[in-house]
C-alpha atoms as a PDB file:
ATOM      1  CA  UNK A   1      54.829   0.626  15.943  1.00  0.00           C
ATOM      2  CA  UNK A   2      51.098   1.356  15.340  1.00  0.00           C
ATOM      3  CA  UNK A   3      49.803   3.428  18.187  1.00  0.00           C
ATOM      4  CA  UNK A   4      46.780   5.160  16.404  1.00  0.00           C
ATOM      5  CA  UNK A   5      48.305   8.790  16.644  1.00  0.00           C
ATOM      6  CA  UNK A   6      45.785  11.538  17.128  1.00  0.00           C
ATOM      7  CA  UNK A   7      47.821  13.558  14.513  1.00  0.00           C
ATOM      8  CA  UNK A   8      46.503  11.137  11.484  1.00  0.00           C
ATOM      9  CA  UNK A   9      43.043  11.559  12.866  1.00  0.00           C
ATOM     10  CA  UNK A  10      43.347  15.344  12.808  1.00  0.00           C
ATOM     11  CA  UNK A  11      45.080  15.086   9.368  1.00  0.00           C
ATOM     12  CA  UNK A  12      42.280  13.228   8.086  1.00  0.00           C
ATOM     13  CA  UNK A  13      39.637  15.751   9.726  1.00  0.00           C
ATOM     14  CA  UNK A  14      41.175  18.464   7.929  1.00  0.00           C
ATOM     15  CA  UNK A  15      41.830  16.834   4.354  1.00  0.00           C
ATOM     16  CA  UNK A  16      39.145  14.094   4.216  1.00  0.00           C
ATOM     17  CA  UNK A  17      40.645  12.631   1.005  1.00  0.00           C
ATOM     18  CA  UNK A  18      44.032  12.204   2.975  1.00  0.00           C
ATOM     19  CA  UNK A  19      42.276  10.280   5.527  1.00  0.00           C
ATOM     20  CA  UNK A  20      40.497   8.140   3.063  1.00  0.00           C
ATOM     21  CA  UNK A  21      43.648   7.346   0.990  1.00  0.00           C
ATOM     22  CA  UNK A  22      45.903   6.833   4.459  1.00  0.00           C
ATOM     23  CA  UNK A  23      42.850   4.315   5.880  1.00  0.00           C
ATOM     24  CA  UNK A  24      43.023   2.375   2.368  1.00  0.00           C
ATOM     25  CA  UNK A  25      46.746   2.053   2.521  1.00  0.00           C
ATOM     26  CA  UNK A  26      47.202   1.557   6.351  1.00  0.00           C
ATOM     27  CA  UNK A  27      44.357  -0.806   6.947  1.00  0.00           C
ATOM     28  CA  UNK A  28      46.198  -4.188   6.722  1.00  0.00           C
ATOM     29  CA  UNK A  29      49.400  -2.862   8.076  1.00  0.00           C
ATOM     30  CA  UNK A  30      48.698  -0.532  10.766  1.00  0.00           C
ATOM     31  CA  UNK A  31      45.135  -0.774  11.513  1.00  0.00           C
ATOM     32  CA  UNK A  32      45.245   1.505  14.562  1.00  0.00           C
ATOM     33  CA  UNK A  33      46.376   4.268  12.636  1.00  0.00           C
ATOM     34  CA  UNK A  34      44.321   3.436   9.914  1.00  0.00           C
ATOM     35  CA  UNK A  35      41.103   3.644  11.989  1.00  0.00           C
ATOM     36  CA  UNK A  36      42.220   7.144  13.518  1.00  0.00           C
ATOM     37  CA  UNK A  37      42.791   8.418  10.182  1.00  0.00           C
ATOM     38  CA  UNK A  38      39.423   6.865   8.718  1.00  0.00           C
ATOM     39  CA  UNK A  39      37.455   8.339  11.771  1.00  0.00           C
ATOM     40  CA  UNK A  40      38.809  11.750  11.074  1.00  0.00           C
ATOM     41  CA  UNK A  41      37.870  11.723   7.821  1.00  0.00           C
ATOM     42  CA  UNK A  42      34.274  10.449   8.556  1.00  0.00           C
ATOM     43  CA  UNK A  43      33.672  12.692  10.995  1.00  0.00           C
ATOM     44  CA  UNK A  44      35.082  15.858   8.878  1.00  0.00           C
ATOM     45  CA  UNK A  45      32.390  14.824   5.926  1.00  0.00           C
ATOM     46  CA  UNK A  46      29.606  14.556   8.344  1.00  0.00           C
ATOM     47  CA  UNK A  47      30.272  17.629   9.906  1.00  0.00           C
ATOM     48  CA  UNK A  48      30.581  19.272   6.467  1.00  0.00           C
ATOM     49  CA  UNK A  49      27.117  17.761   5.391  1.00  0.00           C
ATOM     50  CA  UNK A  50      25.298  18.649   8.595  1.00  0.00           C
ATOM     51  CA  UNK A  51      26.745  22.407   8.348  1.00  0.00           C
ATOM     52  CA  UNK A  52      25.548  22.629   4.884  1.00  0.00           C
ATOM     53  CA  UNK A  53      22.121  21.721   5.982  1.00  0.00           C
ATOM     54  CA  UNK A  54      21.973  23.866   8.613  1.00  0.00           C
ATOM     55  CA  UNK A  55      23.201  26.622   6.104  1.00  0.00           C
ATOM     56  CA  UNK A  56      20.716  25.883   3.843  1.00  0.00           C
ATOM     57  CA  UNK A  57      17.618  25.995   6.303  1.00  0.00           C
ATOM     58  CA  UNK A  58      18.922  29.041   7.874  1.00  0.00           C
ATOM     59  CA  UNK A  59      19.008  30.918   4.342  1.00  0.00           C
ATOM     60  CA  UNK A  60      15.706  29.487   3.589  1.00  0.00           C
ATOM     61  CA  UNK A  61      14.230  30.822   6.896  1.00  0.00           C
ATOM     62  CA  UNK A  62      15.981  34.167   6.157  1.00  0.00           C
ATOM     63  CA  UNK A  63      14.583  34.586   2.490  1.00  0.00           C
ATOM     64  CA  UNK A  64      10.954  33.506   4.084  1.00  0.00           C
ATOM     65  CA  UNK A  65      11.086  36.201   6.861  1.00  0.00           C
ATOM     66  CA  UNK A  66      12.279  38.919   3.976  1.00  0.00           C
ATOM     67  CA  UNK A  67       8.883  37.920   1.673  1.00  0.00           C
ATOM     68  CA  UNK A  68       6.613  38.437   4.780  1.00  0.00           C
ATOM     69  CA  UNK A  69       6.905  42.243   4.269  1.00  0.00           C
ATOM     70  CA  UNK A  70       5.702  42.270   0.875  1.00  0.00           C
END
């Protein structure tokens, strides 16, 4: 039964590599579940990139504000 479970999507979000592997393994036999796992992995990777960019920008702003006092 292929119900596209939330649990597999959540697993894909927590462990993106597992989500990608599950997507590739299940894309033909369980397309709904594979899609959920793949979307979870994709959301996790995109969120990681966005948060990394935000952390970099915030750290550069902090460094720039410290150098203004010298």
